[in-house]
Amino acid sequence: MNKLPLFAMAAAAAGLVPAMAVAAPNKPAAKLSMAQARAIALSKAPGKVADAEYEKEGGGWRYSFDIRQGARIHEIGVDANTGRIVEDKFEGLNAKD
């Protein structure tokens, strides 16, 4: 078994390398790492990250974070290249995207 891809995924998850360095080839590299975008999201909406993903939405690539804050989810979208917050909304705990 080749351990390099597993190591690379673990390093990306830990924020040691940009997340897109080990992502699928159809996703472009982001200027920000997942860890950097997560810090931006948590500075806007403190809480516990329940879900995080790198996705194309609205014509651009972004990181999306569902942050649990008590009885609600605060969804924060962070532009993967600029770090600008592009989404800031609340959902119930059982809401589906």
PDB file of N, CA and C in Angstrom:
ATOM      1  N   MET A   1       0.836  -1.181   0.000  1.00  0.00           N
ATOM      2  CA  MET A   1       0.000   0.000   0.000  1.00  0.00           C
ATOM      3  C   MET A   1       0.880   1.244   0.000  1.00  0.00           C
ATOM      4  N   ASN A   2       0.554   2.187  -0.847  1.00  0.00           N
ATOM      5  CA  ASN A   2       1.305   3.431  -0.944  1.00  0.00           C
ATOM      6  C   ASN A   2       0.837   4.379   0.163  1.00  0.00           C
ATOM      7  N   LYS A   3       1.715   4.739   1.050  1.00  0.00           N
ATOM      8  CA  LYS A   3       1.342   5.578   2.192  1.00  0.00           C
ATOM      9  C   LYS A   3       1.447   7.062   1.903  1.00  0.00           C
ATOM     10  N   LEU A   4       2.034   7.445   0.764  1.00  0.00           N
ATOM     11  CA  LEU A   4       2.194   8.857   0.447  1.00  0.00           C
ATOM     12  C   LEU A   4       0.858   9.582   0.317  1.00  0.00           C
ATOM     13  N   PRO A   5      -0.146   9.077  -0.443  1.00  0.00           N
ATOM     14  CA  PRO A   5      -1.412   9.812  -0.520  1.00  0.00           C
ATOM     15  C   PRO A   5      -2.074   9.975   0.846  1.00  0.00           C
ATOM     16  N   LEU A   6      -2.021   8.946   1.685  1.00  0.00           N
ATOM     17  CA  LEU A   6      -2.603   9.038   3.019  1.00  0.00           C
ATOM     18  C   LEU A   6      -1.888  10.103   3.841  1.00  0.00           C
ATOM     19  N   PHE A   7      -0.566  10.147   3.766  1.00  0.00           N
ATOM     20  CA  PHE A   7       0.197  11.168   4.475  1.00  0.00           C
ATOM     21  C   PHE A   7      -0.157  12.558   3.967  1.00  0.00           C
ATOM     22  N   ALA A   8      -0.272  12.700   2.642  1.00  0.00           N
ATOM     23  CA  ALA A   8      -0.589  14.002   2.049  1.00  0.00           C
ATOM     24  C   ALA A   8      -1.968  14.468   2.489  1.00  0.00           C
ATOM     25  N   MET A   9      -2.947  13.565   2.525  1.00  0.00           N
ATOM     26  CA  MET A   9      -4.289  13.944   2.989  1.00  0.00           C
ATOM     27  C   MET A   9      -4.266  14.358   4.446  1.00  0.00           C
ATOM     28  N   ALA A  10      -3.521  13.633   5.272  1.00  0.00           N
ATOM     29  CA  ALA A  10      -3.419  13.974   6.684  1.00  0.00           C
ATOM     30  C   ALA A  10      -2.736  15.324   6.867  1.00  0.00           C
ATOM     31  N   ALA A  11      -1.702  15.593   6.082  1.00  0.00           N
ATOM     32  CA  ALA A  11      -1.007  16.878   6.167  1.00  0.00           C
ATOM     33  C   ALA A  11      -1.930  18.016   5.755  1.00  0.00           C
ATOM     34  N   ALA A  12      -2.730  17.816   4.720  1.00  0.00           N
ATOM     35  CA  ALA A  12      -3.669  18.861   4.275  1.00  0.00           C
ATOM     36  C   ALA A  12      -4.719  19.106   5.345  1.00  0.00           C
ATOM     37  N   ALA A  13      -5.239  18.034   5.930  1.00  0.00           N
ATOM     38  CA  ALA A  13      -6.248  18.177   6.979  1.00  0.00           C
ATOM     39  C   ALA A  13      -5.687  18.917   8.190  1.00  0.00           C
ATOM     40  N   ALA A  14      -4.428  18.730   8.460  1.00  0.00           N
ATOM     41  CA  ALA A  14      -3.796  19.410   9.591  1.00  0.00           C
ATOM     42  C   ALA A  14      -3.406  20.842   9.263  1.00  0.00           C
ATOM     43  N   GLY A  15      -3.610  21.237   7.994  1.00  0.00           N
ATOM     44  CA  GLY A  15      -3.282  22.603   7.589  1.00  0.00           C
ATOM     45  C   GLY A  15      -1.811  22.803   7.272  1.00  0.00           C
ATOM     46  N   LEU A  16      -1.075  21.706   7.099  1.00  0.00           N
ATOM     47  CA  LEU A  16       0.354  21.815   6.824  1.00  0.00           C
ATOM     48  C   LEU A  16       0.639  22.142   5.367  1.00  0.00           C
ATOM     49  N   VAL A  17      -0.255  21.751   4.489  1.00  0.00           N
ATOM     50  CA  VAL A  17      -0.138  22.076   3.069  1.00  0.00           C
ATOM     51  C   VAL A  17      -1.502  22.541   2.597  1.00  0.00           C
ATOM     52  N   PRO A  18      -1.566  23.326   1.531  1.00  0.00           N
ATOM     53  CA  PRO A  18      -2.880  23.734   1.021  1.00  0.00           C
ATOM     54  C   PRO A  18      -3.737  22.517   0.712  1.00  0.00           C
ATOM     55  N   ALA A  19      -4.978  22.562   1.086  1.00  0.00           N
ATOM     56  CA  ALA A  19      -5.882  21.421   0.920  1.00  0.00           C
ATOM     57  C   ALA A  19      -5.946  20.947  -0.522  1.00  0.00           C
ATOM     58  N   MET A  20      -5.851  21.839  -1.473  1.00  0.00           N
ATOM     59  CA  MET A  20      -6.007  21.443  -2.857  1.00  0.00           C
ATOM     60  C   MET A  20      -4.784  20.730  -3.412  1.00  0.00           C
ATOM     61  N   ALA A  21      -3.702  20.702  -2.692  1.00  0.00           N
ATOM     62  CA  ALA A  21      -2.518  19.996  -3.162  1.00  0.00           C
ATOM     63  C   ALA A  21      -2.782  18.500  -3.264  1.00  0.00           C
ATOM     64  N   VAL A  22      -3.796  17.997  -2.564  1.00  0.00           N
ATOM     65  CA  VAL A  22      -4.101  16.569  -2.585  1.00  0.00           C
ATOM     66  C   VAL A  22      -5.526  16.309  -3.036  1.00  0.00           C
ATOM     67  N   ALA A  23      -6.205  17.308  -3.542  1.00  0.00           N
ATOM     68  CA  ALA A  23      -7.598  17.140  -3.947  1.00  0.00           C
ATOM     69  C   ALA A  23      -7.693  16.574  -5.355  1.00  0.00           C
ATOM     70  N   ALA A  24      -8.924  16.317  -5.741  1.00  0.00           N
ATOM     71  CA  ALA A  24      -9.177  15.785  -7.075  1.00  0.00           C
ATOM     72  C   ALA A  24      -8.658  16.752  -8.134  1.00  0.00           C
ATOM     73  N   PRO A  25      -8.188  16.232  -9.263  1.00  0.00           N
ATOM     74  CA  PRO A  25      -7.590  17.089 -10.286  1.00  0.00           C
ATOM     75  C   PRO A  25      -8.564  18.087 -10.909  1.00  0.00           C
ATOM     76  N   ASN A  26      -9.868  17.881 -10.821  1.00  0.00           N
ATOM     77  CA  ASN A  26     -10.817  18.808 -11.422  1.00  0.00           C
ATOM     78  C   ASN A  26     -11.087  20.033 -10.548  1.00  0.00           C
ATOM     79  N   LYS A  27     -10.540  20.079  -9.377  1.00  0.00           N
ATOM     80  CA  LYS A  27     -10.686  21.241  -8.499  1.00  0.00           C
ATOM     81  C   LYS A  27      -9.409  22.073  -8.569  1.00  0.00           C
ATOM     82  N   PRO A  28      -9.536  23.369  -8.868  1.00  0.00           N
ATOM     83  CA  PRO A  28      -8.329  24.199  -8.959  1.00  0.00           C
ATOM     84  C   PRO A  28      -7.704  24.441  -7.588  1.00  0.00           C
ATOM     85  N   ALA A  29      -6.429  24.694  -7.596  1.00  0.00           N
ATOM     86  CA  ALA A  29      -5.728  25.007  -6.347  1.00  0.00           C
ATOM     87  C   ALA A  29      -6.251  26.323  -5.786  1.00  0.00           C
ATOM     88  N   ALA A  30      -6.386  26.376  -4.487  1.00  0.00           N
ATOM     89  CA  ALA A  30      -6.839  27.585  -3.807  1.00  0.00           C
ATOM     90  C   ALA A  30      -5.638  28.331  -3.250  1.00  0.00           C
ATOM     91  N   LYS A  31      -5.748  29.650  -3.156  1.00  0.00           N
ATOM     92  CA  LYS A  31      -4.670  30.442  -2.561  1.00  0.00           C
ATOM     93  C   LYS A  31      -4.648  30.277  -1.047  1.00  0.00           C
ATOM     94  N   LEU A  32      -5.823  30.067  -0.456  1.00  0.00           N
ATOM     95  CA  LEU A  32      -5.914  29.854   0.992  1.00  0.00           C
ATOM     96  C   LEU A  32      -6.014  28.363   1.281  1.00  0.00           C
ATOM     97  N   SER A  33      -5.467  27.952   2.388  1.00  0.00           N
ATOM     98  CA  SER A  33      -5.636  26.567   2.819  1.00  0.00           C
ATOM     99  C   SER A  33      -6.969  26.454   3.562  1.00  0.00           C
ATOM    100  N   MET A  34      -7.420  25.237   3.739  1.00  0.00           N
ATOM    101  CA  MET A  34      -8.646  24.992   4.508  1.00  0.00           C
ATOM    102  C   MET A  34      -8.482  25.560   5.914  1.00  0.00           C
ATOM    103  N   ALA A  35      -7.312  25.395   6.510  1.00  0.00           N
ATOM    104  CA  ALA A  35      -7.070  25.889   7.867  1.00  0.00           C
ATOM    105  C   ALA A  35      -7.157  27.417   7.931  1.00  0.00           C
ATOM    106  N   GLN A  36      -6.627  28.094   6.923  1.00  0.00           N
ATOM    107  CA  GLN A  36      -6.708  29.559   6.903  1.00  0.00           C
ATOM    108  C   GLN A  36      -8.156  30.017   6.760  1.00  0.00           C
ATOM    109  N   ALA A  37      -8.897  29.377   5.865  1.00  0.00           N
ATOM    110  CA  ALA A  37     -10.300  29.735   5.667  1.00  0.00           C
ATOM    111  C   ALA A  37     -11.126  29.434   6.916  1.00  0.00           C
ATOM    112  N   ARG A  38     -10.812  28.348   7.581  1.00  0.00           N
ATOM    113  CA  ARG A  38     -11.517  27.976   8.824  1.00  0.00           C
ATOM    114  C   ARG A  38     -11.304  29.051   9.883  1.00  0.00           C
ATOM    115  N   ALA A  39     -10.087  29.554  10.013  1.00  0.00           N
ATOM    116  CA  ALA A  39      -9.802  30.610  10.995  1.00  0.00           C
ATOM    117  C   ALA A  39     -10.610  31.870  10.679  1.00  0.00           C
ATOM    118  N   ILE A  40     -10.728  32.202   9.394  1.00  0.00           N
ATOM    119  CA  ILE A  40     -11.520  33.366   8.984  1.00  0.00           C
ATOM    120  C   ILE A  40     -12.983  33.146   9.355  1.00  0.00           C
ATOM    121  N   ALA A  41     -13.509  31.964   9.044  1.00  0.00           N
ATOM    122  CA  ALA A  41     -14.914  31.654   9.341  1.00  0.00           C
ATOM    123  C   ALA A  41     -15.190  31.700  10.839  1.00  0.00           C
ATOM    124  N   LEU A  42     -14.293  31.126  11.627  1.00  0.00           N
ATOM    125  CA  LEU A  42     -14.509  31.103  13.078  1.00  0.00           C
ATOM    126  C   LEU A  42     -14.354  32.480  13.710  1.00  0.00           C
ATOM    127  N   SER A  43     -13.596  33.379  13.082  1.00  0.00           N
ATOM    128  CA  SER A  43     -13.497  34.742  13.613  1.00  0.00           C
ATOM    129  C   SER A  43     -14.813  35.485  13.395  1.00  0.00           C
ATOM    130  N   LYS A  44     -15.545  35.127  12.351  1.00  0.00           N
ATOM    131  CA  LYS A  44     -16.850  35.735  12.059  1.00  0.00           C
ATOM    132  C   LYS A  44     -17.957  35.069  12.869  1.00  0.00           C
ATOM    133  N   ALA A  45     -17.854  33.751  13.049  1.00  0.00           N
ATOM    134  CA  ALA A  45     -18.905  32.978  13.712  1.00  0.00           C
ATOM    135  C   ALA A  45     -18.291  31.949  14.648  1.00  0.00           C
ATOM    136  N   PRO A  46     -17.961  32.346  15.870  1.00  0.00           N
ATOM    137  CA  PRO A  46     -17.363  31.401  16.819  1.00  0.00           C
ATOM    138  C   PRO A  46     -18.303  30.220  17.095  1.00  0.00           C
ATOM    139  N   GLY A  47     -17.730  29.053  17.265  1.00  0.00           N
ATOM    140  CA  GLY A  47     -18.508  27.852  17.545  1.00  0.00           C
ATOM    141  C   GLY A  47     -17.707  26.627  17.167  1.00  0.00           C
ATOM    142  N   LYS A  48     -18.412  25.522  16.962  1.00  0.00           N
ATOM    143  CA  LYS A  48     -17.767  24.261  16.590  1.00  0.00           C
ATOM    144  C   LYS A  48     -18.104  23.946  15.132  1.00  0.00           C
ATOM    145  N   VAL A  49     -17.076  23.714  14.316  1.00  0.00           N
ATOM    146  CA  VAL A  49     -17.288  23.399  12.899  1.00  0.00           C
ATOM    147  C   VAL A  49     -17.877  21.993  12.805  1.00  0.00           C
ATOM    148  N   ALA A  50     -19.108  21.919  12.270  1.00  0.00           N
ATOM    149  CA  ALA A  50     -19.801  20.643  12.113  1.00  0.00           C
ATOM    150  C   ALA A  50     -19.532  20.029  10.741  1.00  0.00           C
ATOM    151  N   ASP A  51     -19.246  20.873   9.742  1.00  0.00           N
ATOM    152  CA  ASP A  51     -18.987  20.385   8.394  1.00  0.00           C
ATOM    153  C   ASP A  51     -18.167  21.435   7.657  1.00  0.00           C
ATOM    154  N   ALA A  52     -17.284  20.978   6.783  1.00  0.00           N
ATOM    155  CA  ALA A  52     -16.453  21.888   5.992  1.00  0.00           C
ATOM    156  C   ALA A  52     -16.222  21.256   4.635  1.00  0.00           C
ATOM    157  N   GLU A  53     -16.262  22.092   3.596  1.00  0.00           N
ATOM    158  CA  GLU A  53     -15.990  21.574   2.261  1.00  0.00           C
ATOM    159  C   GLU A  53     -15.452  22.667   1.352  1.00  0.00           C
ATOM    160  N   TYR A  54     -14.790  22.228   0.290  1.00  0.00           N
ATOM    161  CA  TYR A  54     -14.274  23.103  -0.760  1.00  0.00           C
ATOM    162  C   TYR A  54     -15.176  22.868  -1.947  1.00  0.00           C
ATOM    163  N   GLU A  55     -15.840  23.913  -2.435  1.00  0.00           N
ATOM    164  CA  GLU A  55     -16.853  23.719  -3.457  1.00  0.00           C
ATOM    165  C   GLU A  55     -16.909  24.885  -4.423  1.00  0.00           C
ATOM    166  N   LYS A  56     -17.485  24.611  -5.582  1.00  0.00           N
ATOM    167  CA  LYS A  56     -17.742  25.667  -6.556  1.00  0.00           C
ATOM    168  C   LYS A  56     -19.194  26.085  -6.386  1.00  0.00           C
ATOM    169  N   GLU A  57     -19.393  27.353  -6.133  1.00  0.00           N
ATOM    170  CA  GLU A  57     -20.748  27.872  -5.972  1.00  0.00           C
ATOM    171  C   GLU A  57     -20.764  29.318  -6.431  1.00  0.00           C
ATOM    172  N   GLY A  58     -21.813  29.675  -7.146  1.00  0.00           N
ATOM    173  CA  GLY A  58     -21.933  31.053  -7.614  1.00  0.00           C
ATOM    174  C   GLY A  58     -20.835  31.460  -8.581  1.00  0.00           C
ATOM    175  N   GLY A  59     -20.285  30.509  -9.314  1.00  0.00           N
ATOM    176  CA  GLY A  59     -19.270  30.818 -10.303  1.00  0.00           C
ATOM    177  C   GLY A  59     -17.847  30.869  -9.773  1.00  0.00           C
ATOM    178  N   GLY A  60     -17.663  30.658  -8.479  1.00  0.00           N
ATOM    179  CA  GLY A  60     -16.317  30.694  -7.913  1.00  0.00           C
ATOM    180  C   GLY A  60     -16.101  29.579  -6.908  1.00  0.00           C
ATOM    181  N   TRP A  61     -14.859  29.378  -6.540  1.00  0.00           N
ATOM    182  CA  TRP A  61     -14.502  28.336  -5.569  1.00  0.00           C
ATOM    183  C   TRP A  61     -14.424  28.943  -4.184  1.00  0.00           C
ATOM    184  N   ARG A  62     -14.955  28.205  -3.225  1.00  0.00           N
ATOM    185  CA  ARG A  62     -14.988  28.691  -1.846  1.00  0.00           C
ATOM    186  C   ARG A  62     -14.944  27.532  -0.873  1.00  0.00           C
ATOM    187  N   TYR A  63     -14.628  27.882   0.359  1.00  0.00           N
ATOM    188  CA  TYR A  63     -14.744  26.945   1.461  1.00  0.00           C
ATOM    189  C   TYR A  63     -16.059  27.259   2.149  1.00  0.00           C
ATOM    190  N   SER A  64     -16.802  26.229   2.494  1.00  0.00           N
ATOM    191  CA  SER A  64     -18.072  26.406   3.179  1.00  0.00           C
ATOM    192  C   SER A  64     -17.988  25.715   4.534  1.00  0.00           C
ATOM    193  N   PHE A  65     -18.382  26.421   5.574  1.00  0.00           N
ATOM    194  CA  PHE A  65     -18.325  25.888   6.934  1.00  0.00           C
ATOM    195  C   PHE A  65     -19.697  25.975   7.576  1.00  0.00           C
ATOM    196  N   ASP A  66     -20.159  24.870   8.153  1.00  0.00           N
ATOM    197  CA  ASP A  66     -21.345  24.859   8.991  1.00  0.00           C
ATOM    198  C   ASP A  66     -20.846  24.871  10.421  1.00  0.00           C
ATOM    199  N   ILE A  67     -21.117  25.967  11.123  1.00  0.00           N
ATOM    200  CA  ILE A  67     -20.601  26.157  12.478  1.00  0.00           C
ATOM    201  C   ILE A  67     -21.761  26.089  13.457  1.00  0.00           C
ATOM    202  N   ARG A  68     -21.694  25.153  14.374  1.00  0.00           N
ATOM    203  CA  ARG A  68     -22.757  24.982  15.363  1.00  0.00           C
ATOM    204  C   ARG A  68     -22.612  26.042  16.446  1.00  0.00           C
ATOM    205  N   GLN A  69     -23.725  26.729  16.674  1.00  0.00           N
ATOM    206  CA  GLN A  69     -23.803  27.750  17.724  1.00  0.00           C
ATOM    207  C   GLN A  69     -25.090  27.488  18.499  1.00  0.00           C
ATOM    208  N   GLY A  70     -24.999  26.692  19.536  1.00  0.00           N
ATOM    209  CA  GLY A  70     -26.185  26.366  20.323  1.00  0.00           C
ATOM    210  C   GLY A  70     -27.198  25.600  19.496  1.00  0.00           C
ATOM    211  N   ALA A  71     -28.403  26.152  19.346  1.00  0.00           N
ATOM    212  CA  ALA A  71     -29.492  25.468  18.644  1.00  0.00           C
ATOM    213  C   ALA A  71     -29.576  25.858  17.170  1.00  0.00           C
ATOM    214  N   ARG A  72     -28.523  26.407  16.619  1.00  0.00           N
ATOM    215  CA  ARG A  72     -28.552  26.793  15.207  1.00  0.00           C
ATOM    216  C   ARG A  72     -27.203  26.525  14.545  1.00  0.00           C
ATOM    217  N   ILE A  73     -27.233  26.527  13.227  1.00  0.00           N
ATOM    218  CA  ILE A  73     -26.025  26.376  12.410  1.00  0.00           C
ATOM    219  C   ILE A  73     -25.783  27.705  11.701  1.00  0.00           C
ATOM    220  N   HIS A  74     -24.570  28.202  11.814  1.00  0.00           N
ATOM    221  CA  HIS A  74     -24.182  29.435  11.128  1.00  0.00           C
ATOM    222  C   HIS A  74     -23.340  28.993   9.940  1.00  0.00           C
ATOM    223  N   GLU A  75     -23.842  29.218   8.740  1.00  0.00           N
ATOM    224  CA  GLU A  75     -23.103  28.831   7.538  1.00  0.00           C
ATOM    225  C   GLU A  75     -22.295  30.017   7.043  1.00  0.00           C
ATOM    226  N   ILE A  76     -20.988  29.802   6.927  1.00  0.00           N
ATOM    227  CA  ILE A  76     -20.065  30.835   6.467  1.00  0.00           C
ATOM    228  C   ILE A  76     -19.346  30.314   5.228  1.00  0.00           C
ATOM    229  N   GLY A  77     -19.367  31.103   4.158  1.00  0.00           N
ATOM    230  CA  GLY A  77     -18.625  30.789   2.949  1.00  0.00           C
ATOM    231  C   GLY A  77     -17.459  31.747   2.825  1.00  0.00           C
ATOM    232  N   VAL A  78     -16.271  31.201   2.571  1.00  0.00           N
ATOM    233  CA  VAL A  78     -15.052  32.006   2.459  1.00  0.00           C
ATOM    234  C   VAL A  78     -14.463  31.800   1.069  1.00  0.00           C
ATOM    235  N   ASP A  79     -14.286  32.887   0.322  1.00  0.00           N
ATOM    236  CA  ASP A  79     -13.685  32.801  -1.008  1.00  0.00           C
ATOM    237  C   ASP A  79     -12.305  32.167  -0.880  1.00  0.00           C
ATOM    238  N   ALA A  80     -12.054  31.132  -1.675  1.00  0.00           N
ATOM    239  CA  ALA A  80     -10.811  30.359  -1.564  1.00  0.00           C
ATOM    240  C   ALA A  80      -9.579  31.102  -2.027  1.00  0.00           C
ATOM    241  N   ASN A  81      -9.753  32.211  -2.735  1.00  0.00           N
ATOM    242  CA  ASN A  81      -8.603  32.955  -3.233  1.00  0.00           C
ATOM    243  C   ASN A  81      -8.391  34.286  -2.526  1.00  0.00           C
ATOM    244  N   THR A  82      -9.469  34.909  -2.079  1.00  0.00           N
ATOM    245  CA  THR A  82      -9.340  36.232  -1.459  1.00  0.00           C
ATOM    246  C   THR A  82      -9.508  36.225   0.059  1.00  0.00           C
ATOM    247  N   GLY A  83     -10.172  35.200   0.596  1.00  0.00           N
ATOM    248  CA  GLY A  83     -10.454  35.158   2.024  1.00  0.00           C
ATOM    249  C   GLY A  83     -11.673  35.978   2.408  1.00  0.00           C
ATOM    250  N   ARG A  84     -12.344  36.554   1.408  1.00  0.00           N
ATOM    251  CA  ARG A  84     -13.536  37.367   1.662  1.00  0.00           C
ATOM    252  C   ARG A  84     -14.705  36.451   2.027  1.00  0.00           C
ATOM    253  N   ILE A  85     -15.526  36.880   2.979  1.00  0.00           N
ATOM    254  CA  ILE A  85     -16.713  36.118   3.346  1.00  0.00           C
ATOM    255  C   ILE A  85     -17.774  36.358   2.271  1.00  0.00           C
ATOM    256  N   VAL A  86     -18.219  35.274   1.638  1.00  0.00           N
ATOM    257  CA  VAL A  86     -19.177  35.375   0.541  1.00  0.00           C
ATOM    258  C   VAL A  86     -20.551  34.828   0.910  1.00  0.00           C
ATOM    259  N   GLU A  87     -20.666  34.212   2.069  1.00  0.00           N
ATOM    260  CA  GLU A  87     -21.962  33.755   2.565  1.00  0.00           C
ATOM    261  C   GLU A  87     -21.948  33.836   4.079  1.00  0.00           C
ATOM    262  N   ASP A  88     -23.077  34.266   4.628  1.00  0.00           N
ATOM    263  CA  ASP A  88     -23.211  34.429   6.072  1.00  0.00           C
ATOM    264  C   ASP A  88     -24.692  34.291   6.395  1.00  0.00           C
ATOM    265  N   LYS A  89     -25.114  33.067   6.747  1.00  0.00           N
ATOM    266  CA  LYS A  89     -26.530  32.847   7.028  1.00  0.00           C
ATOM    267  C   LYS A  89     -26.701  31.822   8.149  1.00  0.00           C
ATOM    268  N   PHE A  90     -27.911  31.790   8.690  1.00  0.00           N
ATOM    269  CA  PHE A  90     -28.234  30.868   9.770  1.00  0.00           C
ATOM    270  C   PHE A  90     -29.195  29.790   9.274  1.00  0.00           C
ATOM    271  N   GLU A  91     -29.067  28.597   9.844  1.00  0.00           N
ATOM    272  CA  GLU A  91     -29.961  27.479   9.529  1.00  0.00           C
ATOM    273  C   GLU A  91     -30.328  26.807  10.851  1.00  0.00           C
ATOM    274  N   GLY A  92     -31.431  26.072  10.835  1.00  0.00           N
ATOM    275  CA  GLY A  92     -31.780  25.251  11.981  1.00  0.00           C
ATOM    276  C   GLY A  92     -30.843  24.054  12.046  1.00  0.00           C
ATOM    277  N   LEU A  93     -30.824  23.347  13.169  1.00  0.00           N
ATOM    278  CA  LEU A  93     -29.924  22.196  13.316  1.00  0.00           C
ATOM    279  C   LEU A  93     -30.223  21.088  12.318  1.00  0.00           C
ATOM    280  N   ASN A  94     -31.453  20.939  11.886  1.00  0.00           N
ATOM    281  CA  ASN A  94     -31.818  19.858  10.977  1.00  0.00           C
ATOM    282  C   ASN A  94     -31.971  20.302   9.541  1.00  0.00           C
ATOM    283  N   ALA A  95     -31.528  21.500   9.203  1.00  0.00           N
ATOM    284  CA  ALA A  95     -31.661  22.017   7.837  1.00  0.00           C
ATOM    285  C   ALA A  95     -30.763  21.225   6.898  1.00  0.00           C
ATOM    286  N   LYS A  96     -31.226  21.072   5.670  1.00  0.00           N
ATOM    287  CA  LYS A  96     -30.444  20.383   4.636  1.00  0.00           C
ATOM    288  C   LYS A  96     -30.116  21.388   3.558  1.00  0.00           C
ATOM    289  N   ASP A  97     -28.867  21.385   3.105  1.00  0.00           N
ATOM    290  CA  ASP A  97     -28.454  22.292   2.020  1.00  0.00           C
ATOM    291  C   ASP A  97     -29.023  21.851   0.702  1.00  0.00           C
TER     292      ASP A  97
END
